[in-house]
Amino acid sequence: MPVNPELVGRAFPPTAPYLVGREKVREFARAVFADDPQHVDPAAARALGYADVVAPPTFAMIVQDHTLQQLLAEPDSGIELARVLHAEQRFTYSRPIVAGDELTGILSVTGVRTIGGNAMVTSEAEIRDSAGEHVVTATSILLVGEEG
């Protein structure tokens, strides 16, 4: 089944809250070679005005993944994981993610573009904190290869 063009405009329910843990931030920072002290040392982060360690910018992908799982689980999407390549990723921040944040994501599909037998699916995950304040919008483009 090809990618369903009627996905455009579809919004998904909020994900379960994700509590950002200090050790998760530290592990992620090590994994992506983010060696700034604010990512691993609470005192360094506090010296910069943050309550705890600050997550590297790409950490938002963890929460966005929860939203993308909703899209991939849609029975009428036409998106099969075996044919998906993560083609592009962007983040637009209102403020950094900090250990202790409780984050929820809401995914919207903003575009489906067919190119030959392939499809480009663009989605935006709006990620908010427990007070409902915007933290980051994570935009992904998935390249869905043609059926084989």
N, C-alpha and C. Protein backbone atom coordinates (compact mmCIF):
# COMPACT_ATOMS: atom_id res chain seq x y z
N MET A 1 0.85 -1.17 0.00
CA MET A 1 0.00 0.00 0.00
C MET A 1 0.90 1.24 0.00
N PRO A 2 0.66 2.21 -0.89
CA PRO A 2 1.46 3.45 -0.87
C PRO A 2 1.12 4.29 0.36
N VAL A 3 1.96 5.27 0.64
CA VAL A 3 1.71 6.16 1.77
C VAL A 3 0.40 6.91 1.53
N ASN A 4 -0.41 6.94 2.55
CA ASN A 4 -1.73 7.56 2.49
C ASN A 4 -1.60 9.08 2.48
N PRO A 5 -1.98 9.76 1.39
CA PRO A 5 -1.88 11.22 1.35
C PRO A 5 -2.84 11.90 2.32
N GLU A 6 -3.85 11.17 2.79
CA GLU A 6 -4.81 11.74 3.74
C GLU A 6 -4.23 11.85 5.15
N LEU A 7 -2.96 11.45 5.32
CA LEU A 7 -2.30 11.66 6.61
C LEU A 7 -2.08 13.14 6.89
N VAL A 8 -1.96 13.94 5.83
CA VAL A 8 -1.70 15.37 6.00
C VAL A 8 -2.83 15.99 6.82
N GLY A 9 -2.42 16.69 7.87
CA GLY A 9 -3.38 17.33 8.76
C GLY A 9 -3.77 16.47 9.95
N ARG A 10 -3.38 15.21 9.92
CA ARG A 10 -3.73 14.32 11.02
C ARG A 10 -2.87 14.66 12.24
N ALA A 11 -3.52 14.77 13.38
CA ALA A 11 -2.83 15.01 14.65
C ALA A 11 -3.10 13.82 15.56
N PHE A 12 -2.13 13.51 16.38
CA PHE A 12 -2.21 12.36 17.27
C PHE A 12 -2.38 12.82 18.71
N PRO A 13 -2.89 11.95 19.57
CA PRO A 13 -3.04 12.35 20.97
C PRO A 13 -1.68 12.56 21.63
N PRO A 14 -1.66 13.32 22.71
CA PRO A 14 -0.40 13.53 23.43
C PRO A 14 0.20 12.20 23.90
N THR A 15 1.51 12.14 23.87
CA THR A 15 2.20 10.97 24.38
C THR A 15 2.14 10.97 25.91
N ALA A 16 2.44 9.83 26.50
CA ALA A 16 2.57 9.78 27.95
C ALA A 16 3.72 10.68 28.36
N PRO A 17 3.63 11.33 29.52
CA PRO A 17 4.73 12.20 29.95
C PRO A 17 6.05 11.43 30.07
N TYR A 18 7.12 12.07 29.64
CA TYR A 18 8.47 11.52 29.72
C TYR A 18 9.25 12.36 30.72
N LEU A 19 9.67 11.75 31.81
CA LEU A 19 10.45 12.44 32.82
C LEU A 19 11.92 12.37 32.43
N VAL A 20 12.52 13.52 32.20
CA VAL A 20 13.93 13.61 31.79
C VAL A 20 14.81 13.39 33.02
N GLY A 21 15.55 12.30 33.00
CA GLY A 21 16.43 11.97 34.12
C GLY A 21 17.85 12.46 33.90
N ARG A 22 18.51 12.81 35.00
CA ARG A 22 19.89 13.29 34.93
C ARG A 22 20.81 12.27 34.27
N GLU A 23 20.68 11.00 34.64
CA GLU A 23 21.57 9.99 34.06
C GLU A 23 21.28 9.77 32.58
N LYS A 24 20.02 9.89 32.18
CA LYS A 24 19.69 9.77 30.75
C LYS A 24 20.35 10.90 29.96
N VAL A 25 20.33 12.11 30.52
CA VAL A 25 20.99 13.24 29.85
C VAL A 25 22.48 12.98 29.75
N ARG A 26 23.08 12.52 30.84
CA ARG A 26 24.52 12.24 30.83
C ARG A 26 24.87 11.16 29.81
N GLU A 27 24.08 10.07 29.80
CA GLU A 27 24.32 8.98 28.84
C GLU A 27 24.19 9.47 27.40
N PHE A 28 23.17 10.26 27.15
CA PHE A 28 22.95 10.77 25.80
C PHE A 28 24.11 11.69 25.40
N ALA A 29 24.53 12.55 26.31
CA ALA A 29 25.64 13.46 26.02
C ALA A 29 26.90 12.69 25.66
N ARG A 30 27.17 11.63 26.41
CA ARG A 30 28.35 10.80 26.09
C ARG A 30 28.18 10.14 24.72
N ALA A 31 27.00 9.67 24.42
CA ALA A 31 26.76 8.97 23.16
C ALA A 31 26.95 9.88 21.94
N VAL A 32 26.63 11.17 22.10
CA VAL A 32 26.75 12.10 20.96
C VAL A 32 27.97 13.00 21.09
N PHE A 33 28.87 12.65 22.01
CA PHE A 33 30.13 13.39 22.20
C PHE A 33 29.90 14.86 22.53
N ALA A 34 28.84 15.15 23.29
CA ALA A 34 28.58 16.50 23.77
C ALA A 34 29.31 16.64 25.10
N ASP A 35 30.50 17.22 25.07
CA ASP A 35 31.35 17.21 26.26
C ASP A 35 31.33 18.49 27.07
N ASP A 36 30.42 19.40 26.78
CA ASP A 36 30.29 20.61 27.58
C ASP A 36 29.86 20.21 28.99
N PRO A 37 30.47 20.79 30.02
CA PRO A 37 30.14 20.42 31.41
C PRO A 37 28.66 20.57 31.77
N GLN A 38 27.94 21.49 31.13
CA GLN A 38 26.53 21.66 31.47
C GLN A 38 25.70 20.40 31.22
N HIS A 39 26.20 19.49 30.38
CA HIS A 39 25.47 18.27 30.07
C HIS A 39 25.68 17.16 31.10
N VAL A 40 26.70 17.27 31.91
CA VAL A 40 27.02 16.18 32.85
C VAL A 40 27.17 16.63 34.30
N ASP A 41 27.41 17.89 34.52
CA ASP A 41 27.71 18.40 35.87
C ASP A 41 26.62 19.37 36.33
N PRO A 42 25.83 18.97 37.34
CA PRO A 42 24.76 19.86 37.80
C PRO A 42 25.27 21.24 38.26
N ALA A 43 26.45 21.27 38.88
CA ALA A 43 27.00 22.56 39.34
C ALA A 43 27.31 23.47 38.15
N ALA A 44 27.86 22.91 37.10
CA ALA A 44 28.15 23.70 35.89
C ALA A 44 26.86 24.21 35.27
N ALA A 45 25.83 23.37 35.26
CA ALA A 45 24.53 23.79 34.70
C ALA A 45 23.91 24.89 35.57
N ARG A 46 23.98 24.74 36.89
CA ARG A 46 23.43 25.76 37.80
C ARG A 46 24.17 27.08 37.63
N ALA A 47 25.48 27.02 37.40
CA ALA A 47 26.26 28.25 37.19
C ALA A 47 25.78 29.00 35.95
N LEU A 48 25.15 28.29 35.03
CA LEU A 48 24.61 28.91 33.82
C LEU A 48 23.13 29.30 33.98
N GLY A 49 22.58 29.04 35.18
CA GLY A 49 21.20 29.43 35.46
C GLY A 49 20.17 28.34 35.28
N TYR A 50 20.60 27.09 35.11
CA TYR A 50 19.67 25.98 34.94
C TYR A 50 19.51 25.21 36.24
N ALA A 51 18.37 24.56 36.41
CA ALA A 51 18.09 23.81 37.64
C ALA A 51 18.89 22.52 37.73
N ASP A 52 19.28 21.96 36.59
CA ASP A 52 20.00 20.68 36.56
C ASP A 52 20.71 20.60 35.21
N VAL A 53 21.27 19.42 34.93
CA VAL A 53 22.02 19.25 33.68
C VAL A 53 21.12 19.54 32.47
N VAL A 54 21.74 20.08 31.43
CA VAL A 54 21.05 20.49 30.22
C VAL A 54 21.28 19.42 29.14
N ALA A 55 20.20 18.99 28.53
CA ALA A 55 20.30 17.97 27.48
C ALA A 55 20.87 18.57 26.20
N PRO A 56 21.69 17.80 25.47
CA PRO A 56 22.12 18.26 24.15
C PRO A 56 20.88 18.47 23.26
N PRO A 57 20.99 19.34 22.26
CA PRO A 57 19.82 19.68 21.43
C PRO A 57 19.11 18.49 20.80
N THR A 58 19.84 17.47 20.41
CA THR A 58 19.20 16.34 19.73
C THR A 58 18.49 15.38 20.69
N PHE A 59 18.57 15.62 21.99
CA PHE A 59 17.89 14.80 23.00
C PHE A 59 16.38 14.79 22.74
N ALA A 60 15.85 15.86 22.16
CA ALA A 60 14.40 15.93 21.88
C ALA A 60 13.94 14.77 21.02
N MET A 61 14.86 14.15 20.30
CA MET A 61 14.51 13.01 19.45
C MET A 61 13.93 11.85 20.26
N ILE A 62 14.33 11.75 21.52
CA ILE A 62 13.79 10.68 22.38
C ILE A 62 12.29 10.84 22.54
N VAL A 63 11.85 12.05 22.82
CA VAL A 63 10.41 12.30 22.98
C VAL A 63 9.72 12.23 21.63
N GLN A 64 10.37 12.78 20.60
CA GLN A 64 9.77 12.73 19.27
C GLN A 64 9.57 11.29 18.81
N ASP A 65 10.47 10.41 19.17
CA ASP A 65 10.32 9.00 18.78
C ASP A 65 9.00 8.43 19.28
N HIS A 66 8.60 8.81 20.48
CA HIS A 66 7.32 8.32 21.01
C HIS A 66 6.17 8.77 20.12
N THR A 67 6.26 9.99 19.58
CA THR A 67 5.20 10.47 18.69
C THR A 67 5.25 9.75 17.35
N LEU A 68 6.45 9.53 16.84
CA LEU A 68 6.58 8.84 15.54
C LEU A 68 6.09 7.40 15.61
N GLN A 69 6.21 6.78 16.77
CA GLN A 69 5.70 5.42 16.93
C GLN A 69 4.19 5.39 16.72
N GLN A 70 3.50 6.46 17.11
CA GLN A 70 2.06 6.54 16.87
C GLN A 70 1.77 6.54 15.37
N LEU A 71 2.53 7.32 14.63
CA LEU A 71 2.35 7.39 13.18
C LEU A 71 2.62 6.04 12.54
N LEU A 72 3.71 5.40 12.93
CA LEU A 72 4.07 4.11 12.34
C LEU A 72 3.04 3.03 12.66
N ALA A 73 2.32 3.20 13.76
CA ALA A 73 1.32 2.20 14.16
C ALA A 73 -0.03 2.40 13.47
N GLU A 74 -0.20 3.50 12.75
CA GLU A 74 -1.48 3.75 12.07
C GLU A 74 -1.71 2.71 10.98
N PRO A 75 -2.78 1.95 11.05
CA PRO A 75 -3.00 0.89 10.07
C PRO A 75 -3.22 1.39 8.65
N ASP A 76 -3.68 2.63 8.49
CA ASP A 76 -3.95 3.14 7.14
C ASP A 76 -2.83 4.05 6.61
N SER A 77 -1.68 4.09 7.31
CA SER A 77 -0.64 5.04 6.91
C SER A 77 0.07 4.64 5.62
N GLY A 78 0.21 3.35 5.38
CA GLY A 78 1.00 2.90 4.24
C GLY A 78 2.49 2.97 4.49
N ILE A 79 2.87 3.23 5.74
CA ILE A 79 4.28 3.34 6.10
C ILE A 79 4.72 2.04 6.76
N GLU A 80 5.65 1.35 6.11
CA GLU A 80 6.23 0.13 6.67
C GLU A 80 7.65 0.46 7.10
N LEU A 81 7.96 0.17 8.35
CA LEU A 81 9.26 0.53 8.91
C LEU A 81 10.42 0.01 8.07
N ALA A 82 10.28 -1.15 7.47
CA ALA A 82 11.36 -1.73 6.66
C ALA A 82 11.69 -0.88 5.44
N ARG A 83 10.78 0.02 5.05
CA ARG A 83 11.01 0.87 3.87
C ARG A 83 11.32 2.32 4.25
N VAL A 84 11.56 2.59 5.54
CA VAL A 84 11.71 3.97 6.02
C VAL A 84 13.17 4.33 6.22
N LEU A 85 13.52 5.52 5.75
CA LEU A 85 14.82 6.13 6.00
C LEU A 85 14.55 7.50 6.60
N HIS A 86 15.22 7.78 7.73
CA HIS A 86 15.06 9.10 8.37
C HIS A 86 15.90 10.09 7.56
N ALA A 87 15.24 10.93 6.77
CA ALA A 87 15.93 11.77 5.79
C ALA A 87 16.38 13.11 6.33
N GLU A 88 15.61 13.70 7.23
CA GLU A 88 15.96 15.04 7.72
C GLU A 88 15.38 15.25 9.10
N GLN A 89 16.07 16.09 9.90
CA GLN A 89 15.64 16.38 11.26
C GLN A 89 15.98 17.83 11.59
N ARG A 90 15.02 18.55 12.19
CA ARG A 90 15.26 19.93 12.65
C ARG A 90 14.60 20.11 14.01
N PHE A 91 15.18 21.03 14.79
CA PHE A 91 14.63 21.36 16.11
C PHE A 91 14.51 22.87 16.22
N THR A 92 13.39 23.34 16.75
CA THR A 92 13.18 24.75 17.02
C THR A 92 12.83 24.88 18.50
N TYR A 93 13.77 25.43 19.26
CA TYR A 93 13.65 25.48 20.72
C TYR A 93 13.12 26.81 21.23
N SER A 94 12.29 26.73 22.28
CA SER A 94 11.92 27.90 23.08
C SER A 94 12.86 28.01 24.27
N ARG A 95 13.28 26.84 24.76
CA ARG A 95 14.25 26.77 25.85
C ARG A 95 14.87 25.39 25.85
N PRO A 96 16.03 25.24 26.48
CA PRO A 96 16.67 23.91 26.53
C PRO A 96 15.87 22.91 27.38
N ILE A 97 16.08 21.65 27.10
CA ILE A 97 15.55 20.57 27.94
C ILE A 97 16.52 20.38 29.10
N VAL A 98 15.96 20.27 30.31
CA VAL A 98 16.76 20.14 31.53
C VAL A 98 16.28 18.92 32.30
N ALA A 99 17.21 18.22 32.95
CA ALA A 99 16.83 17.09 33.80
C ALA A 99 15.76 17.56 34.79
N GLY A 100 14.74 16.73 34.94
CA GLY A 100 13.61 17.09 35.79
C GLY A 100 12.39 17.52 34.99
N ASP A 101 12.59 17.90 33.73
CA ASP A 101 11.45 18.24 32.88
C ASP A 101 10.58 17.02 32.67
N GLU A 102 9.29 17.24 32.62
CA GLU A 102 8.34 16.20 32.25
C GLU A 102 7.72 16.65 30.93
N LEU A 103 8.02 15.92 29.88
CA LEU A 103 7.70 16.36 28.52
C LEU A 103 6.64 15.47 27.87
N THR A 104 5.78 16.11 27.10
CA THR A 104 4.74 15.43 26.34
C THR A 104 4.83 15.92 24.90
N GLY A 105 4.65 15.01 23.94
CA GLY A 105 4.71 15.38 22.54
C GLY A 105 3.39 15.14 21.83
N ILE A 106 3.08 16.04 20.90
CA ILE A 106 1.90 15.90 20.05
C ILE A 106 2.38 15.99 18.61
N LEU A 107 2.13 14.93 17.85
CA LEU A 107 2.57 14.85 16.47
C LEU A 107 1.48 15.27 15.50
N SER A 108 1.87 16.04 14.49
CA SER A 108 1.01 16.39 13.37
C SER A 108 1.75 16.05 12.09
N VAL A 109 1.04 15.48 11.14
CA VAL A 109 1.62 15.23 9.82
C VAL A 109 1.35 16.48 9.00
N THR A 110 2.43 17.10 8.50
CA THR A 110 2.30 18.37 7.79
C THR A 110 2.48 18.24 6.28
N GLY A 111 2.95 17.06 5.83
CA GLY A 111 3.12 16.92 4.39
C GLY A 111 3.39 15.49 3.96
N VAL A 112 2.87 15.14 2.81
CA VAL A 112 3.19 13.88 2.14
C VAL A 112 3.42 14.25 0.68
N ARG A 113 4.62 13.97 0.22
CA ARG A 113 4.98 14.31 -1.16
C ARG A 113 5.48 13.05 -1.86
N THR A 114 4.87 12.74 -2.98
CA THR A 114 5.27 11.55 -3.73
C THR A 114 6.30 11.94 -4.77
N ILE A 115 7.38 11.14 -4.82
CA ILE A 115 8.46 11.35 -5.79
C ILE A 115 8.75 9.99 -6.40
N GLY A 116 8.33 9.81 -7.64
CA GLY A 116 8.45 8.48 -8.25
C GLY A 116 7.60 7.52 -7.45
N GLY A 117 8.17 6.42 -7.03
CA GLY A 117 7.45 5.47 -6.20
C GLY A 117 7.68 5.68 -4.72
N ASN A 118 8.45 6.72 -4.37
CA ASN A 118 8.78 7.01 -2.98
C ASN A 118 7.89 8.12 -2.43
N ALA A 119 7.87 8.24 -1.11
CA ALA A 119 7.11 9.32 -0.48
C ALA A 119 7.96 9.98 0.60
N MET A 120 7.82 11.29 0.70
CA MET A 120 8.45 12.06 1.77
C MET A 120 7.33 12.46 2.73
N VAL A 121 7.44 12.01 3.98
CA VAL A 121 6.42 12.30 4.98
C VAL A 121 7.03 13.27 5.99
N THR A 122 6.45 14.46 6.08
CA THR A 122 6.94 15.47 7.01
C THR A 122 6.00 15.53 8.20
N SER A 123 6.59 15.54 9.39
CA SER A 123 5.79 15.63 10.61
C SER A 123 6.47 16.58 11.59
N GLU A 124 5.64 17.16 12.46
CA GLU A 124 6.13 18.03 13.52
C GLU A 124 5.63 17.52 14.85
N ALA A 125 6.55 17.37 15.78
CA ALA A 125 6.20 17.00 17.14
C ALA A 125 6.38 18.23 18.01
N GLU A 126 5.29 18.73 18.54
CA GLU A 126 5.36 19.86 19.46
C GLU A 126 5.53 19.29 20.86
N ILE A 127 6.62 19.64 21.49
CA ILE A 127 6.97 19.09 22.79
C ILE A 127 6.81 20.18 23.85
N ARG A 128 6.02 19.86 24.87
CA ARG A 128 5.71 20.82 25.94
C ARG A 128 6.07 20.24 27.29
N ASP A 129 6.27 21.13 28.26
CA ASP A 129 6.57 20.70 29.63
C ASP A 129 5.28 20.49 30.41
N SER A 130 5.41 20.13 31.69
CA SER A 130 4.23 19.81 32.50
C SER A 130 3.33 21.01 32.74
N ALA A 131 3.85 22.23 32.57
CA ALA A 131 3.03 23.43 32.70
C ALA A 131 2.34 23.78 31.38
N GLY A 132 2.59 22.97 30.33
CA GLY A 132 1.99 23.23 29.03
C GLY A 132 2.77 24.22 28.19
N GLU A 133 3.95 24.61 28.66
CA GLU A 133 4.77 25.57 27.92
C GLU A 133 5.57 24.87 26.82
N HIS A 134 5.65 25.52 25.67
CA HIS A 134 6.42 24.99 24.55
C HIS A 134 7.89 24.91 24.91
N VAL A 135 8.51 23.77 24.60
CA VAL A 135 9.95 23.59 24.80
C VAL A 135 10.64 23.52 23.44
N VAL A 136 10.15 22.63 22.58
CA VAL A 136 10.79 22.44 21.28
C VAL A 136 9.79 21.86 20.29
N THR A 137 9.96 22.23 19.04
CA THR A 137 9.24 21.57 17.96
C THR A 137 10.28 20.78 17.17
N ALA A 138 10.05 19.49 17.05
CA ALA A 138 10.96 18.59 16.32
C ALA A 138 10.29 18.24 14.99
N THR A 139 10.95 18.58 13.90
CA THR A 139 10.43 18.32 12.57
C THR A 139 11.24 17.21 11.92
N SER A 140 10.56 16.20 11.43
CA SER A 140 11.21 15.07 10.76
C SER A 140 10.67 14.89 9.37
N ILE A 141 11.55 14.46 8.49
CA ILE A 141 11.12 14.01 7.16
C ILE A 141 11.55 12.56 7.03
N LEU A 142 10.57 11.70 6.80
CA LEU A 142 10.82 10.29 6.58
C LEU A 142 10.70 10.00 5.09
N LEU A 143 11.67 9.33 4.55
CA LEU A 143 11.62 8.87 3.17
C LEU A 143 11.12 7.43 3.20
N VAL A 144 9.98 7.20 2.59
CA VAL A 144 9.37 5.87 2.55
C VAL A 144 9.59 5.35 1.14
N GLY A 145 10.40 4.30 1.04
CA GLY A 145 10.71 3.72 -0.27
C GLY A 145 9.52 3.02 -0.87
N GLU A 146 9.57 2.87 -2.19
CA GLU A 146 8.46 2.22 -2.89
C GLU A 146 8.37 0.76 -2.49
N GLU A 147 7.19 0.23 -2.66
CA GLU A 147 6.96 -1.18 -2.30
C GLU A 147 7.75 -2.07 -3.23
N GLY A 148 8.27 -3.16 -2.64
CA GLY A 148 9.13 -4.04 -3.42
C GLY A 148 8.51 -5.25 -3.87
